[in-house]
Structure formats: structure tokens, C-alpha cells
Amino acid sequence: SLNTIDIFAYFLDTNKVNILGTGHLADIVFKPLVIGSDSISYNLNECSMFDEFDENININGTRAAEIIIQ
């Protein structure tokens, strides 16, 4: 839909099956049309994570980022 970015990430390392905490997910590069500020947020209802046994992992908390265009 409009104003939506789909991000797919895969981690297929057989040596590191237990990852804890947060980390870098993606860089979003765009050309702004005007100056100002806005935010990016994740729709956690549309996010899914699975472990090495293909079992669902709960995603706790909220995630967001602020965008400032000067």
C-alpha cells in the first residue's frame, strides 16, 4: 500500500542460531521533496520472526525511528 515499505531479512548462519537483542535491519535511502520531520514505525502485527526450528518468535516492545530532513 501507499507509504509502506516491505523489508525482508534472512539470517542463515549455522554457527549462530541464538541471537539476542536488537541490531541493524536496513538503510532506507530516499530523495526528500521538502524539509521537515516525520517518523518510521513497524507494524508489529505484520512482522514475523522464526527460530531455527521454524517456530514463531514473539516480538516484544515497539520499534520506531525519527527522520529529520534539513
PDB file of N, CA and C in Angstrom:
ATOM      1  N   SER A   1       0.830  -1.187   0.000  1.00  0.00           N
ATOM      2  CA  SER A   1       0.000   0.000   0.000  1.00  0.00           C
ATOM      3  C   SER A   1       0.874   1.250   0.000  1.00  0.00           C
ATOM      4  N   LEU A   2       0.260   2.388  -0.164  1.00  0.00           N
ATOM      5  CA  LEU A   2       0.965   3.660  -0.195  1.00  0.00           C
ATOM      6  C   LEU A   2       1.620   3.930   1.152  1.00  0.00           C
ATOM      7  N   ASN A   3       2.818   4.510   1.135  1.00  0.00           N
ATOM      8  CA  ASN A   3       3.563   4.845   2.346  1.00  0.00           C
ATOM      9  C   ASN A   3       3.992   3.620   3.141  1.00  0.00           C
ATOM     10  N   THR A   4       4.185   2.508   2.483  1.00  0.00           N
ATOM     11  CA  THR A   4       4.603   1.280   3.137  1.00  0.00           C
ATOM     12  C   THR A   4       5.836   0.725   2.448  1.00  0.00           C
ATOM     13  N   ILE A   5       6.780   0.267   3.249  1.00  0.00           N
ATOM     14  CA  ILE A   5       7.971  -0.395   2.725  1.00  0.00           C
ATOM     15  C   ILE A   5       8.013  -1.790   3.315  1.00  0.00           C
ATOM     16  N   ASP A   6       8.125  -2.791   2.479  1.00  0.00           N
ATOM     17  CA  ASP A   6       8.284  -4.163   2.949  1.00  0.00           C
ATOM     18  C   ASP A   6       9.767  -4.474   3.035  1.00  0.00           C
ATOM     19  N   ILE A   7      10.206  -4.961   4.183  1.00  0.00           N
ATOM     20  CA  ILE A   7      11.600  -5.335   4.395  1.00  0.00           C
ATOM     21  C   ILE A   7      11.630  -6.814   4.756  1.00  0.00           C
ATOM     22  N   PHE A   8      12.406  -7.580   4.012  1.00  0.00           N
ATOM     23  CA  PHE A   8      12.573  -8.998   4.280  1.00  0.00           C
ATOM     24  C   PHE A   8      14.023  -9.225   4.672  1.00  0.00           C
ATOM     25  N   ALA A   9      14.264  -9.916   5.772  1.00  0.00           N
ATOM     26  CA  ALA A   9      15.619 -10.198   6.231  1.00  0.00           C
ATOM     27  C   ALA A   9      15.732 -11.681   6.533  1.00  0.00           C
ATOM     28  N   TYR A  10      16.844 -12.263   6.120  1.00  0.00           N
ATOM     29  CA  TYR A  10      17.086 -13.679   6.349  1.00  0.00           C
ATOM     30  C   TYR A  10      18.451 -13.834   7.000  1.00  0.00           C
ATOM     31  N   PHE A  11      18.541 -14.670   8.000  1.00  0.00           N
ATOM     32  CA  PHE A  11      19.809 -14.962   8.655  1.00  0.00           C
ATOM     33  C   PHE A  11      19.988 -16.461   8.616  1.00  0.00           C
ATOM     34  N   LEU A  12      20.901 -16.930   7.777  1.00  0.00           N
ATOM     35  CA  LEU A  12      21.035 -18.365   7.532  1.00  0.00           C
ATOM     36  C   LEU A  12      22.396 -18.891   7.972  1.00  0.00           C
ATOM     37  N   ASP A  13      22.853 -18.498   9.143  1.00  0.00           N
ATOM     38  CA  ASP A  13      24.149 -18.936   9.636  1.00  0.00           C
ATOM     39  C   ASP A  13      23.953 -20.173  10.510  1.00  0.00           C
ATOM     40  N   THR A  14      24.651 -21.258  10.220  1.00  0.00           N
ATOM     41  CA  THR A  14      24.501 -22.483  11.011  1.00  0.00           C
ATOM     42  C   THR A  14      25.303 -22.427  12.306  1.00  0.00           C
ATOM     43  N   ASN A  15      26.253 -21.480  12.424  1.00  0.00           N
ATOM     44  CA  ASN A  15      27.071 -21.381  13.636  1.00  0.00           C
ATOM     45  C   ASN A  15      26.438 -20.506  14.709  1.00  0.00           C
ATOM     46  N   LYS A  16      25.590 -19.562  14.329  1.00  0.00           N
ATOM     47  CA  LYS A  16      24.976 -18.631  15.269  1.00  0.00           C
ATOM     48  C   LYS A  16      23.465 -18.779  15.205  1.00  0.00           C
ATOM     49  N   VAL A  17      22.931 -19.701  15.975  1.00  0.00           N
ATOM     50  CA  VAL A  17      21.483 -19.899  15.948  1.00  0.00           C
ATOM     51  C   VAL A  17      20.783 -19.150  17.064  1.00  0.00           C
ATOM     52  N   ASN A  18      21.522 -18.664  18.061  1.00  0.00           N
ATOM     53  CA  ASN A  18      20.928 -17.914  19.168  1.00  0.00           C
ATOM     54  C   ASN A  18      21.400 -16.473  19.114  1.00  0.00           C
ATOM     55  N   ILE A  19      20.525 -15.574  18.691  1.00  0.00           N
ATOM     56  CA  ILE A  19      20.847 -14.151  18.595  1.00  0.00           C
ATOM     57  C   ILE A  19      19.940 -13.412  19.557  1.00  0.00           C
ATOM     58  N   LEU A  20      20.530 -12.587  20.399  1.00  0.00           N
ATOM     59  CA  LEU A  20      19.759 -11.835  21.379  1.00  0.00           C
ATOM     60  C   LEU A  20      19.888 -10.351  21.114  1.00  0.00           C
ATOM     61  N   GLY A  21      18.880  -9.576  21.530  1.00  0.00           N
ATOM     62  CA  GLY A  21      18.954  -8.116  21.447  1.00  0.00           C
ATOM     63  C   GLY A  21      18.519  -7.584  20.110  1.00  0.00           C
ATOM     64  N   THR A  22      18.871  -6.337  19.894  1.00  0.00           N
ATOM     65  CA  THR A  22      18.486  -5.660  18.657  1.00  0.00           C
ATOM     66  C   THR A  22      19.703  -5.491  17.770  1.00  0.00           C
ATOM     67  N   GLY A  23      19.469  -5.114  16.556  1.00  0.00           N
ATOM     68  CA  GLY A  23      20.555  -4.909  15.619  1.00  0.00           C
ATOM     69  C   GLY A  23      20.081  -4.113  14.421  1.00  0.00           C
ATOM     70  N   HIS A  24      21.000  -3.832  13.536  1.00  0.00           N
ATOM     71  CA  HIS A  24      20.692  -3.079  12.323  1.00  0.00           C
ATOM     72  C   HIS A  24      19.860  -3.944  11.384  1.00  0.00           C
ATOM     73  N   LEU A  25      18.790  -3.361  10.871  1.00  0.00           N
ATOM     74  CA  LEU A  25      17.919  -4.109   9.967  1.00  0.00           C
ATOM     75  C   LEU A  25      18.048  -3.625   8.531  1.00  0.00           C
ATOM     76  N   ALA A  26      18.009  -2.296   8.321  1.00  0.00           N
ATOM     77  CA  ALA A  26      18.021  -1.795   6.952  1.00  0.00           C
ATOM     78  C   ALA A  26      18.380  -0.317   6.923  1.00  0.00           C
ATOM     79  N   ASP A  27      18.930   0.119   5.803  1.00  0.00           N
ATOM     80  CA  ASP A  27      19.084   1.536   5.493  1.00  0.00           C
ATOM     81  C   ASP A  27      18.028   1.881   4.461  1.00  0.00           C
ATOM     82  N   ILE A  28      17.334   2.973   4.684  1.00  0.00           N
ATOM     83  CA  ILE A  28      16.324   3.428   3.733  1.00  0.00           C
ATOM     84  C   ILE A  28      16.840   4.720   3.108  1.00  0.00           C
ATOM     85  N   VAL A  29      17.067   4.693   1.814  1.00  0.00           N
ATOM     86  CA  VAL A  29      17.598   5.843   1.087  1.00  0.00           C
ATOM     87  C   VAL A  29      16.476   6.423   0.234  1.00  0.00           C
ATOM     88  N   PHE A  30      16.268   7.737   0.353  1.00  0.00           N
ATOM     89  CA  PHE A  30      15.201   8.367  -0.411  1.00  0.00           C
ATOM     90  C   PHE A  30      15.582   9.799  -0.721  1.00  0.00           C
ATOM     91  N   LYS A  31      14.865  10.417  -1.649  1.00  0.00           N
ATOM     92  CA  LYS A  31      15.083  11.812  -2.024  1.00  0.00           C
ATOM     93  C   LYS A  31      13.910  12.630  -1.511  1.00  0.00           C
ATOM     94  N   PRO A  32      14.125  13.419  -0.453  1.00  0.00           N
ATOM     95  CA  PRO A  32      13.017  14.211   0.097  1.00  0.00           C
ATOM     96  C   PRO A  32      12.613  15.330  -0.846  1.00  0.00           C
ATOM     97  N   LEU A  33      11.351  15.688  -0.806  1.00  0.00           N
ATOM     98  CA  LEU A  33      10.825  16.777  -1.632  1.00  0.00           C
ATOM     99  C   LEU A  33      10.782  18.096  -0.869  1.00  0.00           C
ATOM    100  N   VAL A  34      10.697  18.038   0.462  1.00  0.00           N
ATOM    101  CA  VAL A  34      10.614  19.237   1.295  1.00  0.00           C
ATOM    102  C   VAL A  34      11.391  18.992   2.596  1.00  0.00           C
ATOM    103  N   ILE A  35      11.674  20.063   3.360  1.00  0.00           N
ATOM    104  CA  ILE A  35      12.293  19.900   4.670  1.00  0.00           C
ATOM    105  C   ILE A  35      11.212  19.613   5.707  1.00  0.00           C
ATOM    106  N   GLY A  36      11.601  19.050   6.826  1.00  0.00           N
ATOM    107  CA  GLY A  36      10.644  18.752   7.887  1.00  0.00           C
ATOM    108  C   GLY A  36      11.061  17.532   8.661  1.00  0.00           C
ATOM    109  N   SER A  37      10.154  16.967   9.407  1.00  0.00           N
ATOM    110  CA  SER A  37      10.444  15.752  10.171  1.00  0.00           C
ATOM    111  C   SER A  37       9.253  14.814  10.105  1.00  0.00           C
ATOM    112  N   ASP A  38       9.530  13.552  10.323  1.00  0.00           N
ATOM    113  CA  ASP A  38       8.496  12.523  10.307  1.00  0.00           C
ATOM    114  C   ASP A  38       9.039  11.341  11.077  1.00  0.00           C
ATOM    115  N   SER A  39       8.342  10.250  11.055  1.00  0.00           N
ATOM    116  CA  SER A  39       8.820   9.067  11.762  1.00  0.00           C
ATOM    117  C   SER A  39       8.507   7.818  10.955  1.00  0.00           C
ATOM    118  N   ILE A  40       9.233   6.771  11.289  1.00  0.00           N
ATOM    119  CA  ILE A  40       9.001   5.450  10.709  1.00  0.00           C
ATOM    120  C   ILE A  40       8.656   4.531  11.861  1.00  0.00           C
ATOM    121  N   SER A  41       7.655   3.708  11.690  1.00  0.00           N
ATOM    122  CA  SER A  41       7.321   2.733  12.731  1.00  0.00           C
ATOM    123  C   SER A  41       7.039   1.394  12.078  1.00  0.00           C
ATOM    124  N   TYR A  42       7.230   0.348  12.844  1.00  0.00           N
ATOM    125  CA  TYR A  42       6.968  -1.001  12.377  1.00  0.00           C
ATOM    126  C   TYR A  42       5.550  -1.385  12.764  1.00  0.00           C
ATOM    127  N   ASN A  43       4.847  -2.019  11.859  1.00  0.00           N
ATOM    128  CA  ASN A  43       3.545  -2.599  12.185  1.00  0.00           C
ATOM    129  C   ASN A  43       3.829  -4.019  12.667  1.00  0.00           C
ATOM    130  N   LEU A  44       3.932  -4.184  13.998  1.00  0.00           N
ATOM    131  CA  LEU A  44       4.306  -5.481  14.546  1.00  0.00           C
ATOM    132  C   LEU A  44       3.268  -6.565  14.268  1.00  0.00           C
ATOM    133  N   ASN A  45       2.041  -6.179  13.924  1.00  0.00           N
ATOM    134  CA  ASN A  45       1.042  -7.172  13.547  1.00  0.00           C
ATOM    135  C   ASN A  45       1.371  -7.820  12.214  1.00  0.00           C
ATOM    136  N   GLU A  46       2.210  -7.159  11.418  1.00  0.00           N
ATOM    137  CA  GLU A  46       2.596  -7.680  10.110  1.00  0.00           C
ATOM    138  C   GLU A  46       4.004  -8.262  10.113  1.00  0.00           C
ATOM    139  N   CYS A  47       4.691  -8.261  11.282  1.00  0.00           N
ATOM    140  CA  CYS A  47       6.065  -8.766  11.380  1.00  0.00           C
ATOM    141  C   CYS A  47       6.065 -10.201  11.890  1.00  0.00           C
ATOM    142  N   SER A  48       6.955 -11.009  11.343  1.00  0.00           N
ATOM    143  CA  SER A  48       7.107 -12.394  11.785  1.00  0.00           C
ATOM    144  C   SER A  48       8.580 -12.725  11.893  1.00  0.00           C
ATOM    145  N   MET A  49       8.923 -13.467  12.945  1.00  0.00           N
ATOM    146  CA  MET A  49      10.278 -13.990  13.099  1.00  0.00           C
ATOM    147  C   MET A  49      10.168 -15.457  13.484  1.00  0.00           C
ATOM    148  N   PHE A  50      11.094 -16.266  12.973  1.00  0.00           N
ATOM    149  CA  PHE A  50      11.079 -17.697  13.243  1.00  0.00           C
ATOM    150  C   PHE A  50      12.463 -18.148  13.668  1.00  0.00           C
ATOM    151  N   ASP A  51      12.525 -19.132  14.563  1.00  0.00           N
ATOM    152  CA  ASP A  51      13.812 -19.656  15.002  1.00  0.00           C
ATOM    153  C   ASP A  51      14.282 -20.758  14.056  1.00  0.00           C
ATOM    154  N   GLU A  52      15.391 -21.404  14.432  1.00  0.00           N
ATOM    155  CA  GLU A  52      15.978 -22.430  13.560  1.00  0.00           C
ATOM    156  C   GLU A  52      15.105 -23.668  13.426  1.00  0.00           C
ATOM    157  N   PHE A  53      14.083 -23.796  14.290  1.00  0.00           N
ATOM    158  CA  PHE A  53      13.151 -24.922  14.205  1.00  0.00           C
ATOM    159  C   PHE A  53      11.842 -24.518  13.528  1.00  0.00           C
ATOM    160  N   ASP A  54      11.840 -23.343  12.907  1.00  0.00           N
ATOM    161  CA  ASP A  54      10.685 -22.793  12.203  1.00  0.00           C
ATOM    162  C   ASP A  54       9.514 -22.514  13.147  1.00  0.00           C
ATOM    163  N   GLU A  55       9.840 -22.196  14.419  1.00  0.00           N
ATOM    164  CA  GLU A  55       8.824 -21.837  15.393  1.00  0.00           C
ATOM    165  C   GLU A  55       8.780 -20.321  15.537  1.00  0.00           C
ATOM    166  N   ASN A  56       7.586 -19.778  15.720  1.00  0.00           N
ATOM    167  CA  ASN A  56       7.390 -18.336  15.805  1.00  0.00           C
ATOM    168  C   ASN A  56       8.077 -17.754  17.038  1.00  0.00           C
ATOM    169  N   ILE A  57       8.753 -16.605  16.881  1.00  0.00           N
ATOM    170  CA  ILE A  57       9.390 -15.877  17.980  1.00  0.00           C
ATOM    171  C   ILE A  57       8.551 -14.644  18.254  1.00  0.00           C
ATOM    172  N   ASN A  58       8.195 -14.420  19.519  1.00  0.00           N
ATOM    173  CA  ASN A  58       7.449 -13.218  19.888  1.00  0.00           C
ATOM    174  C   ASN A  58       8.320 -11.985  19.725  1.00  0.00           C
ATOM    175  N   ILE A  59       7.747 -10.924  19.166  1.00  0.00           N
ATOM    176  CA  ILE A  59       8.432  -9.646  19.033  1.00  0.00           C
ATOM    177  C   ILE A  59       7.853  -8.730  20.103  1.00  0.00           C
ATOM    178  N   ASN A  60       8.677  -8.342  21.059  1.00  0.00           N
ATOM    179  CA  ASN A  60       8.226  -7.533  22.181  1.00  0.00           C
ATOM    180  C   ASN A  60       8.562  -6.064  21.971  1.00  0.00           C
ATOM    181  N   GLY A  61       7.758  -5.185  22.560  1.00  0.00           N
ATOM    182  CA  GLY A  61       8.030  -3.752  22.510  1.00  0.00           C
ATOM    183  C   GLY A  61       7.613  -3.120  21.201  1.00  0.00           C
ATOM    184  N   THR A  62       8.007  -1.882  21.033  1.00  0.00           N
ATOM    185  CA  THR A  62       7.719  -1.158  19.800  1.00  0.00           C
ATOM    186  C   THR A  62       9.036  -0.688  19.196  1.00  0.00           C
ATOM    187  N   ARG A  63       9.047  -0.483  17.925  1.00  0.00           N
ATOM    188  CA  ARG A  63      10.230  -0.013  17.204  1.00  0.00           C
ATOM    189  C   ARG A  63       9.838   1.173  16.361  1.00  0.00           C
ATOM    190  N   ALA A  64      10.668   2.187  16.365  1.00  0.00           N
ATOM    191  CA  ALA A  64      10.392   3.378  15.561  1.00  0.00           C
ATOM    192  C   ALA A  64      11.699   4.107  15.292  1.00  0.00           C
ATOM    193  N   ALA A  65      11.667   5.003  14.334  1.00  0.00           N
ATOM    194  CA  ALA A  65      12.823   5.841  14.006  1.00  0.00           C
ATOM    195  C   ALA A  65      12.324   7.218  13.600  1.00  0.00           C
ATOM    196  N   GLU A  66      13.087   8.237  13.942  1.00  0.00           N
ATOM    197  CA  GLU A  66      12.745   9.606  13.579  1.00  0.00           C
ATOM    198  C   GLU A  66      13.533  10.002  12.338  1.00  0.00           C
ATOM    199  N   ILE A  67      12.879  10.738  11.453  1.00  0.00           N
ATOM    200  CA  ILE A  67      13.514  11.250  10.239  1.00  0.00           C
ATOM    201  C   ILE A  67      13.518  12.779  10.334  1.00  0.00           C
ATOM    202  N   ILE A  68      14.699  13.375  10.182  1.00  0.00           N
ATOM    203  CA  ILE A  68      14.794  14.834  10.155  1.00  0.00           C
ATOM    204  C   ILE A  68      15.458  15.228   8.845  1.00  0.00           C
ATOM    205  N   ILE A  69      14.751  16.024   8.052  1.00  0.00           N
ATOM    206  CA  ILE A  69      15.269  16.482   6.765  1.00  0.00           C
ATOM    207  C   ILE A  69      15.529  17.977   6.869  1.00  0.00           C
ATOM    208  N   GLN A  70      16.793  18.360   6.663  1.00  0.00           N
ATOM    209  CA  GLN A  70      17.160  19.775   6.806  1.00  0.00           C
ATOM    210  C   GLN A  70      17.621  20.351   5.484  1.00  0.00           C
TER     211      GLN A  70
END
